[in-house]
C-alpha cells in the first residue's frame, strides 16, 4: 500500500490524518455549524439554533464547545447584562470550508435522484 495514503493499513484510524479530520467534522451538526458560520460570519447561540432547526439547546452548546476546543470556532463573550456571546470561524475553521465544499459537490454528483 502507498505510504502517502491518508488511511494506511495496520494503523488505527484515530492515529491518521484522515481520522483526525473526521474527529473534527464528524457528527450530525458540526459541518452544518461550520457552514452557517462561513455564510453568516458571526452568529449568536439562538441564531445558530434557528438556522439548524431541530437541534436541542444543550446539544448545540456541547457541539459549540467541542468546535471551540478544537480551535475551529471563536467564542466572543461581551461583558453586559444580559450576556451576549457571538461565534465565528477561526482561521483553522475557515481553512476547512473548501474541504466541506468538496464533500458537498461530491454529494451533489452522486446523490440518488
PDB file of N, CA and C in Angstrom:
ATOM      1  N   UNK A   1       0.834  -1.183   0.000  1.00  0.00           N
ATOM      2  CA  UNK A   1       0.000   0.000   0.000  1.00  0.00           C
ATOM      3  C   UNK A   1       0.881   1.250   0.000  1.00  0.00           C
ATOM      4  N   UNK A   2       0.434   2.305  -0.631  1.00  0.00           N
ATOM      5  CA  UNK A   2       1.161   3.562  -0.727  1.00  0.00           C
ATOM      6  C   UNK A   2       1.351   4.174   0.662  1.00  0.00           C
ATOM      7  N   UNK A   3       2.590   4.519   1.018  1.00  0.00           N
ATOM      8  CA  UNK A   3       2.872   5.099   2.326  1.00  0.00           C
ATOM      9  C   UNK A   3       2.292   6.501   2.469  1.00  0.00           C
ATOM     10  N   UNK A   4       1.950   7.139   1.363  1.00  0.00           N
ATOM     11  CA  UNK A   4       1.436   8.505   1.383  1.00  0.00           C
ATOM     12  C   UNK A   4      -0.070   8.556   1.613  1.00  0.00           C
ATOM     13  N   UNK A   5      -0.721   7.408   1.718  1.00  0.00           N
ATOM     14  CA  UNK A   5      -2.168   7.388   1.875  1.00  0.00           C
ATOM     15  C   UNK A   5      -2.588   8.009   3.203  1.00  0.00           C
ATOM     16  N   UNK A   6      -3.780   8.534   3.222  1.00  0.00           N
ATOM     17  CA  UNK A   6      -4.304   9.189   4.416  1.00  0.00           C
ATOM     18  C   UNK A   6      -4.829   8.172   5.427  1.00  0.00           C
ATOM     19  N   UNK A   7      -5.097   6.964   4.981  1.00  0.00           N
ATOM     20  CA  UNK A   7      -5.612   5.920   5.872  1.00  0.00           C
ATOM     21  C   UNK A   7      -4.852   4.627   5.620  1.00  0.00           C
ATOM     22  N   UNK A   8      -3.580   4.560   6.038  1.00  0.00           N
ATOM     23  CA  UNK A   8      -2.768   3.367   5.780  1.00  0.00           C
ATOM     24  C   UNK A   8      -3.264   2.156   6.542  1.00  0.00           C
ATOM     25  N   UNK A   9      -3.068   0.984   5.962  1.00  0.00           N
ATOM     26  CA  UNK A   9      -3.442  -0.254   6.630  1.00  0.00           C
ATOM     27  C   UNK A   9      -2.569  -0.499   7.840  1.00  0.00           C
ATOM     28  N   UNK A  10      -3.117  -1.176   8.836  1.00  0.00           N
ATOM     29  CA  UNK A  10      -2.342  -1.523  10.017  1.00  0.00           C
ATOM     30  C   UNK A  10      -2.173  -0.390  11.018  1.00  0.00           C
ATOM     31  N   UNK A  11      -2.808   0.744  10.755  1.00  0.00           N
ATOM     32  CA  UNK A  11      -2.720   1.883  11.659  1.00  0.00           C
ATOM     33  C   UNK A  11      -4.133   2.216  12.130  1.00  0.00           C
ATOM     34  N   UNK A  12      -4.293   2.443  13.413  1.00  0.00           N
ATOM     35  CA  UNK A  12      -5.610   2.813  13.945  1.00  0.00           C
ATOM     36  C   UNK A  12      -6.069   4.103  13.287  1.00  0.00           C
ATOM     37  N   UNK A  13      -7.334   4.141  12.880  1.00  0.00           N
ATOM     38  CA  UNK A  13      -7.871   5.306  12.181  1.00  0.00           C
ATOM     39  C   UNK A  13      -7.630   6.594  12.955  1.00  0.00           C
ATOM     40  N   UNK A  14      -7.769   6.542  14.269  1.00  0.00           N
ATOM     41  CA  UNK A  14      -7.557   7.733  15.091  1.00  0.00           C
ATOM     42  C   UNK A  14      -6.143   8.265  15.054  1.00  0.00           C
ATOM     43  N   UNK A  15      -5.202   7.435  14.623  1.00  0.00           N
ATOM     44  CA  UNK A  15      -3.803   7.846  14.550  1.00  0.00           C
ATOM     45  C   UNK A  15      -3.408   8.374  13.177  1.00  0.00           C
ATOM     46  N   UNK A  16      -4.388   8.557  12.294  1.00  0.00           N
ATOM     47  CA  UNK A  16      -4.095   9.023  10.939  1.00  0.00           C
ATOM     48  C   UNK A  16      -4.607  10.447  10.741  1.00  0.00           C
ATOM     49  N   UNK A  17      -4.106  11.108   9.712  1.00  0.00           N
ATOM     50  CA  UNK A  17      -4.583  12.447   9.366  1.00  0.00           C
ATOM     51  C   UNK A  17      -6.069  12.400   9.005  1.00  0.00           C
ATOM     52  N   UNK A  18      -6.465  11.330   8.338  1.00  0.00           N
ATOM     53  CA  UNK A  18      -7.870  11.157   7.967  1.00  0.00           C
ATOM     54  C   UNK A  18      -8.742  11.062   9.223  1.00  0.00           C
ATOM     55  N   UNK A  19      -8.313  10.253  10.175  1.00  0.00           N
ATOM     56  CA  UNK A  19      -9.051  10.103  11.427  1.00  0.00           C
ATOM     57  C   UNK A  19      -9.130  11.407  12.200  1.00  0.00           C
ATOM     58  N   UNK A  20      -8.043  12.164  12.194  1.00  0.00           N
ATOM     59  CA  UNK A  20      -8.043  13.465  12.875  1.00  0.00           C
ATOM     60  C   UNK A  20      -9.067  14.398  12.239  1.00  0.00           C
ATOM     61  N   UNK A  21      -9.070  14.463  10.918  1.00  0.00           N
ATOM     62  CA  UNK A  21     -10.023  15.329  10.218  1.00  0.00           C
ATOM     63  C   UNK A  21     -11.451  14.910  10.517  1.00  0.00           C
ATOM     64  N   UNK A  22     -11.721  13.610  10.465  1.00  0.00           N
ATOM     65  CA  UNK A  22     -13.070  13.118  10.773  1.00  0.00           C
ATOM     66  C   UNK A  22     -13.476  13.452  12.204  1.00  0.00           C
ATOM     67  N   UNK A  23     -12.530  13.417  13.124  1.00  0.00           N
ATOM     68  CA  UNK A  23     -12.859  13.736  14.514  1.00  0.00           C
ATOM     69  C   UNK A  23     -13.271  15.200  14.664  1.00  0.00           C
ATOM     70  N   UNK A  24     -12.771  16.048  13.790  1.00  0.00           N
ATOM     71  CA  UNK A  24     -13.110  17.464  13.860  1.00  0.00           C
ATOM     72  C   UNK A  24     -14.466  17.779  13.245  1.00  0.00           C
ATOM     73  N   UNK A  25     -14.819  17.091  12.160  1.00  0.00           N
ATOM     74  CA  UNK A  25     -16.048  17.446  11.430  1.00  0.00           C
ATOM     75  C   UNK A  25     -17.137  16.390  11.538  1.00  0.00           C
ATOM     76  N   UNK A  26     -16.842  15.265  12.196  1.00  0.00           N
ATOM     77  CA  UNK A  26     -17.821  14.197  12.320  1.00  0.00           C
ATOM     78  C   UNK A  26     -18.959  14.576  13.254  1.00  0.00           C
ATOM     79  N   UNK A  27     -20.053  13.905  13.090  1.00  0.00           N
ATOM     80  CA  UNK A  27     -21.222  14.183  13.923  1.00  0.00           C
ATOM     81  C   UNK A  27     -22.309  14.837  13.096  1.00  0.00           C
ATOM     82  N   UNK A  28     -23.469  14.915  13.698  1.00  0.00           N
ATOM     83  CA  UNK A  28     -24.650  15.366  12.973  1.00  0.00           C
ATOM     84  C   UNK A  28     -24.645  16.861  12.658  1.00  0.00           C
ATOM     85  N   UNK A  29     -24.018  17.687  13.500  1.00  0.00           N
ATOM     86  CA  UNK A  29     -24.181  19.132  13.359  1.00  0.00           C
ATOM     87  C   UNK A  29     -22.918  19.935  13.072  1.00  0.00           C
ATOM     88  N   UNK A  30     -21.744  19.355  13.271  1.00  0.00           N
ATOM     89  CA  UNK A  30     -20.522  20.154  13.164  1.00  0.00           C
ATOM     90  C   UNK A  30     -20.354  20.811  11.804  1.00  0.00           C
ATOM     91  N   UNK A  31     -20.530  20.058  10.732  1.00  0.00           N
ATOM     92  CA  UNK A  31     -20.357  20.639   9.401  1.00  0.00           C
ATOM     93  C   UNK A  31     -21.410  21.702   9.122  1.00  0.00           C
ATOM     94  N   UNK A  32     -22.628  21.483   9.610  1.00  0.00           N
ATOM     95  CA  UNK A  32     -23.690  22.466   9.406  1.00  0.00           C
ATOM     96  C   UNK A  32     -23.389  23.767  10.148  1.00  0.00           C
ATOM     97  N   UNK A  33     -22.855  23.656  11.345  1.00  0.00           N
ATOM     98  CA  UNK A  33     -22.481  24.854  12.107  1.00  0.00           C
ATOM     99  C   UNK A  33     -21.356  25.593  11.403  1.00  0.00           C
ATOM    100  N   UNK A  34     -20.351  24.856  10.950  1.00  0.00           N
ATOM    101  CA  UNK A  34     -19.238  25.494  10.240  1.00  0.00           C
ATOM    102  C   UNK A  34     -19.730  26.213   8.986  1.00  0.00           C
ATOM    103  N   UNK A  35     -20.617  25.573   8.229  1.00  0.00           N
ATOM    104  CA  UNK A  35     -21.185  26.207   7.039  1.00  0.00           C
ATOM    105  C   UNK A  35     -21.981  27.457   7.397  1.00  0.00           C
ATOM    106  N   UNK A  36     -22.798  27.372   8.443  1.00  0.00           N
ATOM    107  CA  UNK A  36     -23.603  28.524   8.855  1.00  0.00           C
ATOM    108  C   UNK A  36     -22.708  29.705   9.220  1.00  0.00           C
ATOM    109  N   UNK A  37     -21.617  29.426   9.932  1.00  0.00           N
ATOM    110  CA  UNK A  37     -20.697  30.499  10.301  1.00  0.00           C
ATOM    111  C   UNK A  37     -19.927  31.019   9.087  1.00  0.00           C
ATOM    112  N   UNK A  38     -19.630  30.149   8.137  1.00  0.00           N
ATOM    113  CA  UNK A  38     -18.956  30.601   6.917  1.00  0.00           C
ATOM    114  C   UNK A  38     -19.856  31.547   6.125  1.00  0.00           C
ATOM    115  N   UNK A  39     -21.142  31.242   6.089  1.00  0.00           N
ATOM    116  CA  UNK A  39     -22.088  32.064   5.326  1.00  0.00           C
ATOM    117  C   UNK A  39     -22.441  33.362   6.041  1.00  0.00           C
ATOM    118  N   UNK A  40     -22.540  33.320   7.357  1.00  0.00           N
ATOM    119  CA  UNK A  40     -23.033  34.478   8.118  1.00  0.00           C
ATOM    120  C   UNK A  40     -21.951  35.245   8.869  1.00  0.00           C
ATOM    121  N   UNK A  41     -20.748  34.730   8.905  1.00  0.00           N
ATOM    122  CA  UNK A  41     -19.586  35.318   9.586  1.00  0.00           C
ATOM    123  C   UNK A  41     -19.686  35.295  11.107  1.00  0.00           C
ATOM    124  N   UNK A  42     -20.747  35.827  11.681  1.00  0.00           N
ATOM    125  CA  UNK A  42     -20.916  35.862  13.135  1.00  0.00           C
ATOM    126  C   UNK A  42     -22.362  35.511  13.453  1.00  0.00           C
ATOM    127  N   UNK A  43     -22.539  34.575  14.398  1.00  0.00           N
ATOM    128  CA  UNK A  43     -23.892  34.207  14.834  1.00  0.00           C
ATOM    129  C   UNK A  43     -23.907  34.024  16.343  1.00  0.00           C
ATOM    130  N   UNK A  44     -25.040  34.325  16.940  1.00  0.00           N
ATOM    131  CA  UNK A  44     -25.251  34.070  18.355  1.00  0.00           C
ATOM    132  C   UNK A  44     -25.889  32.690  18.514  1.00  0.00           C
ATOM    133  N   UNK A  45     -25.910  32.190  19.738  1.00  0.00           N
ATOM    134  CA  UNK A  45     -26.403  30.837  20.019  1.00  0.00           C
ATOM    135  C   UNK A  45     -27.807  30.627  19.460  1.00  0.00           C
ATOM    136  N   UNK A  46     -28.734  31.514  19.762  1.00  0.00           N
ATOM    137  CA  UNK A  46     -30.112  31.351  19.301  1.00  0.00           C
ATOM    138  C   UNK A  46     -30.238  31.475  17.783  1.00  0.00           C
ATOM    139  N   UNK A  47     -29.394  32.293  17.168  1.00  0.00           N
ATOM    140  CA  UNK A  47     -29.393  32.392  15.704  1.00  0.00           C
ATOM    141  C   UNK A  47     -28.946  31.071  15.087  1.00  0.00           C
ATOM    142  N   UNK A  48     -27.925  30.464  15.671  1.00  0.00           N
ATOM    143  CA  UNK A  48     -27.481  29.145  15.197  1.00  0.00           C
ATOM    144  C   UNK A  48     -28.578  28.108  15.397  1.00  0.00           C
ATOM    145  N   UNK A  49     -29.235  28.153  16.534  1.00  0.00           N
ATOM    146  CA  UNK A  49     -30.316  27.202  16.825  1.00  0.00           C
ATOM    147  C   UNK A  49     -31.424  27.324  15.785  1.00  0.00           C
ATOM    148  N   UNK A  50     -31.821  28.539  15.457  1.00  0.00           N
ATOM    149  CA  UNK A  50     -32.848  28.750  14.424  1.00  0.00           C
ATOM    150  C   UNK A  50     -32.360  28.274  13.065  1.00  0.00           C
ATOM    151  N   UNK A  51     -31.102  28.541  12.771  1.00  0.00           N
ATOM    152  CA  UNK A  51     -30.524  28.155  11.480  1.00  0.00           C
ATOM    153  C   UNK A  51     -30.517  26.628  11.306  1.00  0.00           C
ATOM    154  N   UNK A  52     -30.259  25.904  12.401  1.00  0.00           N
ATOM    155  CA  UNK A  52     -30.137  24.448  12.336  1.00  0.00           C
ATOM    156  C   UNK A  52     -31.463  23.725  12.497  1.00  0.00           C
ATOM    157  N   UNK A  53     -32.479  24.421  12.939  1.00  0.00           N
ATOM    158  CA  UNK A  53     -33.782  23.778  13.065  1.00  0.00           C
ATOM    159  C   UNK A  53     -33.925  23.000  14.348  1.00  0.00           C
ATOM    160  N   UNK A  54     -34.021  21.676  14.251  1.00  0.00           N
ATOM    161  CA  UNK A  54     -34.412  20.834  15.370  1.00  0.00           C
ATOM    162  C   UNK A  54     -33.354  20.508  16.399  1.00  0.00           C
ATOM    163  N   UNK A  55     -32.258  21.203  16.447  1.00  0.00           N
ATOM    164  CA  UNK A  55     -31.213  20.892  17.429  1.00  0.00           C
ATOM    165  C   UNK A  55     -31.634  21.374  18.816  1.00  0.00           C
ATOM    166  N   UNK A  56     -31.385  20.550  19.817  1.00  0.00           N
ATOM    167  CA  UNK A  56     -31.694  20.920  21.198  1.00  0.00           C
ATOM    168  C   UNK A  56     -30.676  21.946  21.703  1.00  0.00           C
ATOM    169  N   UNK A  57     -31.102  22.795  22.617  1.00  0.00           N
ATOM    170  CA  UNK A  57     -30.250  23.837  23.181  1.00  0.00           C
ATOM    171  C   UNK A  57     -28.961  23.243  23.746  1.00  0.00           C
ATOM    172  N   UNK A  58     -29.102  22.188  24.553  1.00  0.00           N
ATOM    173  CA  UNK A  58     -27.933  21.567  25.189  1.00  0.00           C
ATOM    174  C   UNK A  58     -27.007  20.930  24.152  1.00  0.00           C
ATOM    175  N   UNK A  59     -27.584  20.269  23.153  1.00  0.00           N
ATOM    176  CA  UNK A  59     -26.772  19.648  22.101  1.00  0.00           C
ATOM    177  C   UNK A  59     -25.944  20.700  21.380  1.00  0.00           C
ATOM    178  N   UNK A  60     -26.588  21.816  21.037  1.00  0.00           N
ATOM    179  CA  UNK A  60     -25.864  22.891  20.363  1.00  0.00           C
ATOM    180  C   UNK A  60     -24.740  23.409  21.251  1.00  0.00           C
ATOM    181  N   UNK A  61     -25.003  23.574  22.529  1.00  0.00           N
ATOM    182  CA  UNK A  61     -23.970  24.053  23.458  1.00  0.00           C
ATOM    183  C   UNK A  61     -22.781  23.106  23.505  1.00  0.00           C
ATOM    184  N   UNK A  62     -23.055  21.804  23.541  1.00  0.00           N
ATOM    185  CA  UNK A  62     -21.985  20.800  23.594  1.00  0.00           C
ATOM    186  C   UNK A  62     -21.161  20.832  22.305  1.00  0.00           C
ATOM    187  N   UNK A  63     -21.837  20.882  21.160  1.00  0.00           N
ATOM    188  CA  UNK A  63     -21.125  20.875  19.877  1.00  0.00           C
ATOM    189  C   UNK A  63     -20.299  22.152  19.719  1.00  0.00           C
ATOM    190  N   UNK A  64     -20.855  23.292  20.111  1.00  0.00           N
ATOM    191  CA  UNK A  64     -20.095  24.550  20.038  1.00  0.00           C
ATOM    192  C   UNK A  64     -18.854  24.481  20.919  1.00  0.00           C
ATOM    193  N   UNK A  65     -18.978  23.908  22.109  1.00  0.00           N
ATOM    194  CA  UNK A  65     -17.824  23.772  22.995  1.00  0.00           C
ATOM    195  C   UNK A  65     -16.754  22.868  22.369  1.00  0.00           C
ATOM    196  N   UNK A  66     -17.179  21.777  21.707  1.00  0.00           N
ATOM    197  CA  UNK A  66     -16.225  20.884  21.025  1.00  0.00           C
ATOM    198  C   UNK A  66     -15.515  21.631  19.896  1.00  0.00           C
ATOM    199  N   UNK A  67     -16.270  22.384  19.110  1.00  0.00           N
ATOM    200  CA  UNK A  67     -15.666  23.133  18.000  1.00  0.00           C
ATOM    201  C   UNK A  67     -14.698  24.196  18.519  1.00  0.00           C
ATOM    202  N   UNK A  68     -15.048  24.802  19.638  1.00  0.00           N
ATOM    203  CA  UNK A  68     -14.150  25.794  20.246  1.00  0.00           C
ATOM    204  C   UNK A  68     -12.887  25.121  20.786  1.00  0.00           C
ATOM    205  N   UNK A  69     -13.042  23.973  21.451  1.00  0.00           N
ATOM    206  CA  UNK A  69     -11.899  23.229  21.979  1.00  0.00           C
ATOM    207  C   UNK A  69     -10.954  22.810  20.855  1.00  0.00           C
ATOM    208  N   UNK A  70     -11.531  22.450  19.697  1.00  0.00           N
ATOM    209  CA  UNK A  70     -10.728  22.051  18.543  1.00  0.00           C
ATOM    210  C   UNK A  70     -10.199  23.248  17.757  1.00  0.00           C
ATOM    211  N   UNK A  71     -10.458  24.452  18.261  1.00  0.00           N
ATOM    212  CA  UNK A  71      -9.977  25.708  17.663  1.00  0.00           C
ATOM    213  C   UNK A  71     -10.538  25.962  16.253  1.00  0.00           C
ATOM    214  N   UNK A  72     -11.749  25.452  15.997  1.00  0.00           N
ATOM    215  CA  UNK A  72     -12.381  25.689  14.699  1.00  0.00           C
ATOM    216  C   UNK A  72     -13.284  26.918  14.725  1.00  0.00           C
ATOM    217  N   UNK A  73     -13.757  27.285  15.914  1.00  0.00           N
ATOM    218  CA  UNK A  73     -14.568  28.486  16.052  1.00  0.00           C
ATOM    219  C   UNK A  73     -14.021  29.332  17.192  1.00  0.00           C
ATOM    220  N   UNK A  74     -14.425  30.596  17.169  1.00  0.00           N
ATOM    221  CA  UNK A  74     -14.040  31.534  18.217  1.00  0.00           C
ATOM    222  C   UNK A  74     -15.312  31.972  18.932  1.00  0.00           C
ATOM    223  N   UNK A  75     -15.283  31.905  20.240  1.00  0.00           N
ATOM    224  CA  UNK A  75     -16.404  32.349  21.067  1.00  0.00           C
ATOM    225  C   UNK A  75     -16.009  33.672  21.688  1.00  0.00           C
ATOM    226  N   UNK A  76     -16.810  34.691  21.425  1.00  0.00           N
ATOM    227  CA  UNK A  76     -16.528  36.016  21.979  1.00  0.00           C
ATOM    228  C   UNK A  76     -17.674  36.409  22.896  1.00  0.00           C
ATOM    229  N   UNK A  77     -17.334  36.639  24.156  1.00  0.00           N
ATOM    230  CA  UNK A  77     -18.327  36.996  25.163  1.00  0.00           C
ATOM    231  C   UNK A  77     -18.192  38.472  25.512  1.00  0.00           C
ATOM    232  N   UNK A  78     -19.319  39.172  25.489  1.00  0.00           N
ATOM    233  CA  UNK A  78     -19.340  40.587  25.815  1.00  0.00           C
ATOM    234  C   UNK A  78     -19.824  40.755  27.256  1.00  0.00           C
ATOM    235  N   UNK A  79     -19.114  41.557  28.060  1.00  0.00           N
ATOM    236  CA  UNK A  79     -19.490  41.740  29.463  1.00  0.00           C
ATOM    237  C   UNK A  79     -20.659  42.722  29.596  1.00  0.00           C
ATOM    238  N   UNK A  80     -21.848  42.200  29.462  1.00  0.00           N
ATOM    239  CA  UNK A  80     -23.044  43.034  29.580  1.00  0.00           C
ATOM    240  C   UNK A  80     -24.176  42.201  30.142  1.00  0.00           C
ATOM    241  N   UNK A  81     -25.252  42.855  30.505  1.00  0.00           N
ATOM    242  CA  UNK A  81     -26.437  42.168  31.011  1.00  0.00           C
ATOM    243  C   UNK A  81     -27.586  42.508  30.079  1.00  0.00           C
ATOM    244  N   UNK A  82     -28.263  41.505  29.485  1.00  0.00           N
ATOM    245  CA  UNK A  82     -27.948  40.077  29.565  1.00  0.00           C
ATOM    246  C   UNK A  82     -26.672  39.759  28.785  1.00  0.00           C
ATOM    247  N   UNK A  83     -26.030  38.639  29.104  1.00  0.00           N
ATOM    248  CA  UNK A  83     -24.780  38.291  28.425  1.00  0.00           C
ATOM    249  C   UNK A  83     -24.982  38.141  26.918  1.00  0.00           C
ATOM    250  N   UNK A  84     -23.989  38.564  26.185  1.00  0.00           N
ATOM    251  CA  UNK A  84     -24.023  38.440  24.727  1.00  0.00           C
ATOM    252  C   UNK A  84     -22.796  37.627  24.310  1.00  0.00           C
ATOM    253  N   UNK A  85     -23.039  36.538  23.578  1.00  0.00           N
ATOM    254  CA  UNK A  85     -21.957  35.678  23.103  1.00  0.00           C
ATOM    255  C   UNK A  85     -22.120  35.500  21.609  1.00  0.00           C
ATOM    256  N   UNK A  86     -21.022  35.683  20.894  1.00  0.00           N
ATOM    257  CA  UNK A  86     -21.030  35.502  19.437  1.00  0.00           C
ATOM    258  C   UNK A  86     -20.012  34.439  19.048  1.00  0.00           C
ATOM    259  N   UNK A  87     -20.344  33.713  17.972  1.00  0.00           N
ATOM    260  CA  UNK A  87     -19.464  32.677  17.451  1.00  0.00           C
ATOM    261  C   UNK A  87     -19.074  33.020  16.025  1.00  0.00           C
ATOM    262  N   UNK A  88     -17.828  32.735  15.684  1.00  0.00           N
ATOM    263  CA  UNK A  88     -17.337  32.931  14.323  1.00  0.00           C
ATOM    264  C   UNK A  88     -16.288  31.861  14.034  1.00  0.00           C
ATOM    265  N   UNK A  89     -15.950  31.714  12.779  1.00  0.00           N
ATOM    266  CA  UNK A  89     -14.915  30.758  12.399  1.00  0.00           C
ATOM    267  C   UNK A  89     -13.543  31.281  12.775  1.00  0.00           C
ATOM    268  N   UNK A  90     -12.686  30.406  13.232  1.00  0.00           N
ATOM    269  CA  UNK A  90     -11.275  30.745  13.401  1.00  0.00           C
ATOM    270  C   UNK A  90     -10.611  30.579  12.030  1.00  0.00           C
ATOM    271  N   UNK A  91      -9.370  30.942  11.920  1.00  0.00           N
ATOM    272  CA  UNK A  91      -8.674  30.731  10.640  1.00  0.00           C
ATOM    273  C   UNK A  91      -8.561  29.235  10.346  1.00  0.00           C
ATOM    274  N   UNK A  92      -8.382  28.426  11.378  1.00  0.00           N
ATOM    275  CA  UNK A  92      -8.331  26.967  11.196  1.00  0.00           C
ATOM    276  C   UNK A  92      -9.684  26.455  10.694  1.00  0.00           C
ATOM    277  N   UNK A  93     -10.781  26.938  11.277  1.00  0.00           N
ATOM    278  CA  UNK A  93     -12.119  26.547  10.832  1.00  0.00           C
ATOM    279  C   UNK A  93     -12.386  27.006   9.415  1.00  0.00           C
ATOM    280  N   UNK A  94     -11.974  28.223   9.110  1.00  0.00           N
ATOM    281  CA  UNK A  94     -12.161  28.759   7.763  1.00  0.00           C
ATOM    282  C   UNK A  94     -11.406  27.922   6.730  1.00  0.00           C
ATOM    283  N   UNK A  95     -10.259  27.379   7.116  1.00  0.00           N
ATOM    284  CA  UNK A  95      -9.477  26.565   6.180  1.00  0.00           C
ATOM    285  C   UNK A  95     -10.154  25.236   5.867  1.00  0.00           C
ATOM    286  N   UNK A  96     -11.146  24.835   6.677  1.00  0.00           N
ATOM    287  CA  UNK A  96     -11.898  23.598   6.426  1.00  0.00           C
ATOM    288  C   UNK A  96     -13.033  23.785   5.413  1.00  0.00           C
ATOM    289  N   UNK A  97     -13.450  25.012   5.178  1.00  0.00           N
ATOM    290  CA  UNK A  97     -14.600  25.267   4.308  1.00  0.00           C
ATOM    291  C   UNK A  97     -14.399  24.714   2.897  1.00  0.00           C
ATOM    292  N   UNK A  98     -13.236  24.878   2.265  1.00  0.00           N
ATOM    293  CA  UNK A  98     -13.058  24.263   0.942  1.00  0.00           C
ATOM    294  C   UNK A  98     -13.210  22.736   0.966  1.00  0.00           C
ATOM    295  N   UNK A  99     -12.799  22.106   2.047  1.00  0.00           N
ATOM    296  CA  UNK A  99     -12.963  20.656   2.197  1.00  0.00           C
ATOM    297  C   UNK A  99     -14.449  20.316   2.252  1.00  0.00           C
ATOM    298  N   UNK A 100     -15.219  21.097   3.012  1.00  0.00           N
ATOM    299  CA  UNK A 100     -16.659  20.867   3.112  1.00  0.00           C
ATOM    300  C   UNK A 100     -17.338  21.109   1.768  1.00  0.00           C
ATOM    301  N   UNK A 101     -16.877  22.123   1.031  1.00  0.00           N
ATOM    302  CA  UNK A 101     -17.422  22.363  -0.314  1.00  0.00           C
ATOM    303  C   UNK A 101     -17.174  21.154  -1.215  1.00  0.00           C
ATOM    304  N   UNK A 102     -15.991  20.569  -1.114  1.00  0.00           N
ATOM    305  CA  UNK A 102     -15.663  19.393  -1.927  1.00  0.00           C
ATOM    306  C   UNK A 102     -16.584  18.227  -1.571  1.00  0.00           C
ATOM    307  N   UNK A 103     -16.839  18.015  -0.280  1.00  0.00           N
ATOM    308  CA  UNK A 103     -17.764  16.958   0.137  1.00  0.00           C
ATOM    309  C   UNK A 103     -19.171  17.229  -0.393  1.00  0.00           C
ATOM    310  N   UNK A 104     -19.596  18.471  -0.342  1.00  0.00           N
ATOM    311  CA  UNK A 104     -20.920  18.841  -0.845  1.00  0.00           C
ATOM    312  C   UNK A 104     -21.024  18.591  -2.355  1.00  0.00           C
ATOM    313  N   UNK A 105     -20.006  18.998  -3.091  1.00  0.00           N
ATOM    314  CA  UNK A 105     -20.007  18.784  -4.540  1.00  0.00           C
ATOM    315  C   UNK A 105     -20.037  17.298  -4.883  1.00  0.00           C
ATOM    316  N   UNK A 106     -19.298  16.487  -4.135  1.00  0.00           N
ATOM    317  CA  UNK A 106     -19.316  15.046  -4.353  1.00  0.00           C
ATOM    318  C   UNK A 106     -20.739  14.515  -4.145  1.00  0.00           C
ATOM    319  N   UNK A 107     -21.386  14.967  -3.071  1.00  0.00           N
ATOM    320  CA  UNK A 107     -22.753  14.536  -2.788  1.00  0.00           C
ATOM    321  C   UNK A 107     -23.725  14.959  -3.887  1.00  0.00           C
ATOM    322  N   UNK A 108     -23.542  16.162  -4.407  1.00  0.00           N
ATOM    323  CA  UNK A 108     -24.411  16.619  -5.495  1.00  0.00           C
ATOM    324  C   UNK A 108     -24.267  15.736  -6.732  1.00  0.00           C
ATOM    325  N   UNK A 109     -23.041  15.303  -7.017  1.00  0.00           N
ATOM    326  CA  UNK A 109     -22.793  14.461  -8.188  1.00  0.00           C
ATOM    327  C   UNK A 109     -23.307  13.032  -8.008  1.00  0.00           C
ATOM    328  N   UNK A 110     -23.272  12.524  -6.777  1.00  0.00           N
ATOM    329  CA  UNK A 110     -23.558  11.107  -6.558  1.00  0.00           C
ATOM    330  C   UNK A 110     -24.861  10.809  -5.818  1.00  0.00           C
ATOM    331  N   UNK A 111     -25.556  11.825  -5.363  1.00  0.00           N
ATOM    332  CA  UNK A 111     -26.801  11.615  -4.634  1.00  0.00           C
ATOM    333  C   UNK A 111     -27.844  11.000  -5.560  1.00  0.00           C
ATOM    334  N   UNK A 112     -28.506   9.927  -5.123  1.00  0.00           N
ATOM    335  CA  UNK A 112     -29.554   9.349  -5.955  1.00  0.00           C
ATOM    336  C   UNK A 112     -30.680  10.358  -6.190  1.00  0.00           C
ATOM    337  N   UNK A 113     -31.200  10.348  -7.378  1.00  0.00           N
ATOM    338  CA  UNK A 113     -32.246  11.317  -7.735  1.00  0.00           C
ATOM    339  C   UNK A 113     -33.623  10.784  -7.413  1.00  0.00           C
TER     340      UNK A 113
END
